Amino acid sequence: MIIDTDVLIWYLRGKQSAKTIVEENIPFSISAVTYMELLQGMRNKQESLQFQKAMHYWNVHVIHIDQEISARAMFYVHEYGLSHSMQMADALIGATVVQFGETLLTANDKHYKCIPNIEIIKFIPE
């Protein structure tokens, strides 16, 4: 299972439904893009420390971008950038999911639906 940035943001903000689904899937993986997006969203050192503790607790495997993921993401942006507003971060995360044959847990399924052969579980933050 690869978990998208949005689900982990919900978790870090204390959303119980996010906490439940994340903890049910420990250990899980994230893209290096998700790691960077989460760090960029930190407002202070305390949040950054909380994030680092969560990473350890989750036993996360960070998947780094390699040549195959990059090439696949470039294709997605080329094919779906204009028609579906495919953004770079989503293309890289989607490419990682497809490259590793994993399932993506995300609340933003509309960002990924255009990608062929991607398996998605939609998270609904209730």
C-alpha atoms as a PDB file:
ATOM      1  CA  MET A   1       0.000   0.000   0.000  1.00  0.00           C
ATOM      2  CA  ILE A   2       1.193   3.488  -0.889  1.00  0.00           C
ATOM      3  CA  ILE A   3      -0.481   6.293   1.014  1.00  0.00           C
ATOM      4  CA  ASP A   4      -0.986   9.689  -0.598  1.00  0.00           C
ATOM      5  CA  THR A   5      -0.045  12.987   0.984  1.00  0.00           C
ATOM      6  CA  ASP A   6      -3.611  14.089   1.692  1.00  0.00           C
ATOM      7  CA  VAL A   7      -4.420  11.087   3.882  1.00  0.00           C
ATOM      8  CA  LEU A   8      -1.307  11.642   5.991  1.00  0.00           C
ATOM      9  CA  ILE A   9      -2.161  15.339   6.348  1.00  0.00           C
ATOM     10  CA  TRP A  10      -5.558  14.325   7.718  1.00  0.00           C
ATOM     11  CA  TYR A  11      -3.800  11.946  10.120  1.00  0.00           C
ATOM     12  CA  LEU A  12      -1.346  14.589  11.343  1.00  0.00           C
ATOM     13  CA  ARG A  13      -4.242  17.009  11.884  1.00  0.00           C
ATOM     14  CA  GLY A  14      -5.884  14.464  14.186  1.00  0.00           C
ATOM     15  CA  LYS A  15      -8.683  13.154  11.955  1.00  0.00           C
ATOM     16  CA  GLN A  16      -9.800   9.875  13.559  1.00  0.00           C
ATOM     17  CA  SER A  17     -10.874   8.216  10.286  1.00  0.00           C
ATOM     18  CA  ALA A  18      -7.417   8.892   8.840  1.00  0.00           C
ATOM     19  CA  LYS A  19      -5.722   7.589  11.964  1.00  0.00           C
ATOM     20  CA  THR A  20      -7.744   4.375  11.787  1.00  0.00           C
ATOM     21  CA  ILE A  21      -7.043   3.616   8.126  1.00  0.00           C
ATOM     22  CA  VAL A  22      -3.353   4.566   8.295  1.00  0.00           C
ATOM     23  CA  GLU A  23      -2.739   2.448  11.381  1.00  0.00           C
ATOM     24  CA  GLU A  24      -4.592  -0.503   9.810  1.00  0.00           C
ATOM     25  CA  ASN A  25      -2.057  -0.419   6.969  1.00  0.00           C
ATOM     26  CA  ILE A  26       1.209  -0.170   8.945  1.00  0.00           C
ATOM     27  CA  PRO A  27       3.789  -0.727   7.573  1.00  0.00           C
ATOM     28  CA  PHE A  28       3.180   1.120   4.326  1.00  0.00           C
ATOM     29  CA  SER A  29       5.071   3.045   1.696  1.00  0.00           C
ATOM     30  CA  ILE A  30       5.069   6.635   0.498  1.00  0.00           C
ATOM     31  CA  SER A  31       6.642   8.330  -2.472  1.00  0.00           C
ATOM     32  CA  ALA A  32       9.609  10.613  -1.856  1.00  0.00           C
ATOM     33  CA  VAL A  33       7.297  13.284  -3.298  1.00  0.00           C
ATOM     34  CA  THR A  34       4.848  12.755  -0.420  1.00  0.00           C
ATOM     35  CA  TYR A  35       7.689  13.000   2.085  1.00  0.00           C
ATOM     36  CA  MET A  36       8.779  16.332   0.620  1.00  0.00           C
ATOM     37  CA  GLU A  37       5.214  17.667   0.363  1.00  0.00           C
ATOM     38  CA  LEU A  38       4.630  16.865   4.032  1.00  0.00           C
ATOM     39  CA  LEU A  39       7.874  18.534   5.105  1.00  0.00           C
ATOM     40  CA  GLN A  40       7.051  21.631   3.063  1.00  0.00           C
ATOM     41  CA  GLY A  41       3.704  21.864   4.855  1.00  0.00           C
ATOM     42  CA  MET A  42       5.274  21.983   8.317  1.00  0.00           C
ATOM     43  CA  ARG A  43       4.733  25.331  10.015  1.00  0.00           C
ATOM     44  CA  ASN A  44       7.325  24.981  12.770  1.00  0.00           C
ATOM     45  CA  LYS A  45       9.921  22.701  14.357  1.00  0.00           C
ATOM     46  CA  GLN A  46       7.337  21.113  16.656  1.00  0.00           C
ATOM     47  CA  GLU A  47       5.269  19.929  13.664  1.00  0.00           C
ATOM     48  CA  SER A  48       8.425  18.713  11.962  1.00  0.00           C
ATOM     49  CA  LEU A  49       9.360  16.712  15.066  1.00  0.00           C
ATOM     50  CA  GLN A  50       5.827  15.278  15.276  1.00  0.00           C
ATOM     51  CA  PHE A  51       6.123  14.232  11.614  1.00  0.00           C
ATOM     52  CA  GLN A  52       9.482  12.519  12.182  1.00  0.00           C
ATOM     53  CA  LYS A  53       8.045  10.606  15.161  1.00  0.00           C
ATOM     54  CA  ALA A  54       5.052   9.566  13.046  1.00  0.00           C
ATOM     55  CA  MET A  55       7.351   8.336  10.266  1.00  0.00           C
ATOM     56  CA  HIS A  56       9.142   6.134  12.783  1.00  0.00           C
ATOM     57  CA  TYR A  57       5.870   4.878  14.317  1.00  0.00           C
ATOM     58  CA  TRP A  58       4.405   4.112  10.884  1.00  0.00           C
ATOM     59  CA  ASN A  59       7.535   2.173   9.875  1.00  0.00           C
ATOM     60  CA  VAL A  60       7.320   3.890   6.486  1.00  0.00           C
ATOM     61  CA  HIS A  61       9.251   2.828   3.420  1.00  0.00           C
ATOM     62  CA  VAL A  62      10.038   5.892   1.292  1.00  0.00           C
ATOM     63  CA  ILE A  63      10.188   5.004  -2.405  1.00  0.00           C
ATOM     64  CA  HIS A  64      12.684   7.154  -4.271  1.00  0.00           C
ATOM     65  CA  ILE A  65      12.190   8.374  -7.805  1.00  0.00           C
ATOM     66  CA  ASP A  66      14.216   6.412 -10.325  1.00  0.00           C
ATOM     67  CA  GLN A  67      14.522   6.546 -14.112  1.00  0.00           C
ATOM     68  CA  GLU A  68      11.497   4.309 -14.718  1.00  0.00           C
ATOM     69  CA  ILE A  69       9.229   6.301 -12.406  1.00  0.00           C
ATOM     70  CA  SER A  70      10.439   9.559 -13.943  1.00  0.00           C
ATOM     71  CA  ALA A  71       9.827   8.340 -17.506  1.00  0.00           C
ATOM     72  CA  ARG A  72       6.359   7.060 -16.628  1.00  0.00           C
ATOM     73  CA  ALA A  73       5.469  10.345 -14.887  1.00  0.00           C
ATOM     74  CA  MET A  74       6.669  12.329 -17.909  1.00  0.00           C
ATOM     75  CA  PHE A  75       4.359  10.253 -20.085  1.00  0.00           C
ATOM     76  CA  TYR A  76       1.423  10.922 -17.732  1.00  0.00           C
ATOM     77  CA  VAL A  77       1.990  14.678 -17.790  1.00  0.00           C
ATOM     78  CA  HIS A  78       2.317  14.588 -21.589  1.00  0.00           C
ATOM     79  CA  GLU A  79      -0.813  12.481 -22.047  1.00  0.00           C
ATOM     80  CA  TYR A  80      -3.034  13.884 -19.300  1.00  0.00           C
ATOM     81  CA  GLY A  81      -1.672  17.335 -18.483  1.00  0.00           C
ATOM     82  CA  LEU A  82      -4.059  19.224 -20.743  1.00  0.00           C
ATOM     83  CA  SER A  83      -7.038  16.886 -20.673  1.00  0.00           C
ATOM     84  CA  HIS A  84      -7.047  16.080 -16.940  1.00  0.00           C
ATOM     85  CA  SER A  85      -4.771  18.772 -15.423  1.00  0.00           C
ATOM     86  CA  MET A  86      -2.214  16.141 -14.394  1.00  0.00           C
ATOM     87  CA  GLN A  87       0.306  17.828 -12.117  1.00  0.00           C
ATOM     88  CA  MET A  88       3.940  16.826 -11.639  1.00  0.00           C
ATOM     89  CA  ALA A  89       3.592  15.608  -8.031  1.00  0.00           C
ATOM     90  CA  ASP A  90       0.523  13.496  -8.818  1.00  0.00           C
ATOM     91  CA  ALA A  91       2.201  12.088 -11.920  1.00  0.00           C
ATOM     92  CA  LEU A  92       5.242  11.038  -9.893  1.00  0.00           C
ATOM     93  CA  ILE A  93       3.138   9.499  -7.118  1.00  0.00           C
ATOM     94  CA  GLY A  94       0.897   7.724  -9.637  1.00  0.00           C
ATOM     95  CA  ALA A  95       3.905   6.467 -11.574  1.00  0.00           C
ATOM     96  CA  THR A  96       5.381   5.089  -8.350  1.00  0.00           C
ATOM     97  CA  VAL A  97       2.159   3.219  -7.573  1.00  0.00           C
ATOM     98  CA  VAL A  98       1.948   1.682 -11.057  1.00  0.00           C
ATOM     99  CA  GLN A  99       5.686   0.906 -11.262  1.00  0.00           C
ATOM    100  CA  PHE A 100       5.546  -1.069  -8.004  1.00  0.00           C
ATOM    101  CA  GLY A 101       2.145  -2.666  -8.667  1.00  0.00           C
ATOM    102  CA  GLU A 102       0.798  -1.233  -5.425  1.00  0.00           C
ATOM    103  CA  THR A 103      -2.549   0.226  -4.361  1.00  0.00           C
ATOM    104  CA  LEU A 104      -2.880   3.959  -3.669  1.00  0.00           C
ATOM    105  CA  LEU A 105      -4.871   5.171  -0.673  1.00  0.00           C
ATOM    106  CA  THR A 106      -6.037   8.721  -1.440  1.00  0.00           C
ATOM    107  CA  ALA A 107      -8.923  11.097  -0.933  1.00  0.00           C
ATOM    108  CA  ASN A 108      -7.979  12.770  -4.208  1.00  0.00           C
ATOM    109  CA  ASP A 109      -8.874   9.883  -6.512  1.00  0.00           C
ATOM    110  CA  LYS A 110      -9.885  12.327  -9.276  1.00  0.00           C
ATOM    111  CA  HIS A 111      -6.197  13.275  -9.604  1.00  0.00           C
ATOM    112  CA  TYR A 112      -5.319   9.702 -10.554  1.00  0.00           C
ATOM    113  CA  LYS A 113      -8.373   8.220 -12.299  1.00  0.00           C
ATOM    114  CA  CYS A 114      -6.990   8.957 -15.766  1.00  0.00           C
ATOM    115  CA  ILE A 115      -3.941   6.738 -15.163  1.00  0.00           C
ATOM    116  CA  PRO A 116      -4.417   3.304 -16.721  1.00  0.00           C
ATOM    117  CA  ASN A 117      -3.782   0.265 -14.526  1.00  0.00           C
ATOM    118  CA  ILE A 118      -3.726   2.196 -11.257  1.00  0.00           C
ATOM    119  CA  GLU A 119      -5.456   0.621  -8.294  1.00  0.00           C
ATOM    120  CA  ILE A 120      -7.020   3.154  -5.924  1.00  0.00           C
ATOM    121  CA  ILE A 121      -8.744   2.952  -2.566  1.00  0.00           C
ATOM    122  CA  LYS A 122     -10.667   6.144  -1.938  1.00  0.00           C
ATOM    123  CA  PHE A 123     -10.359   7.599   1.540  1.00  0.00           C
ATOM    124  CA  ILE A 124     -13.381   9.611   2.655  1.00  0.00           C
ATOM    125  CA  PRO A 125     -12.463  11.941   5.529  1.00  0.00           C
ATOM    126  CA  GLU A 126     -15.635  11.781   7.604  1.00  0.00           C
END
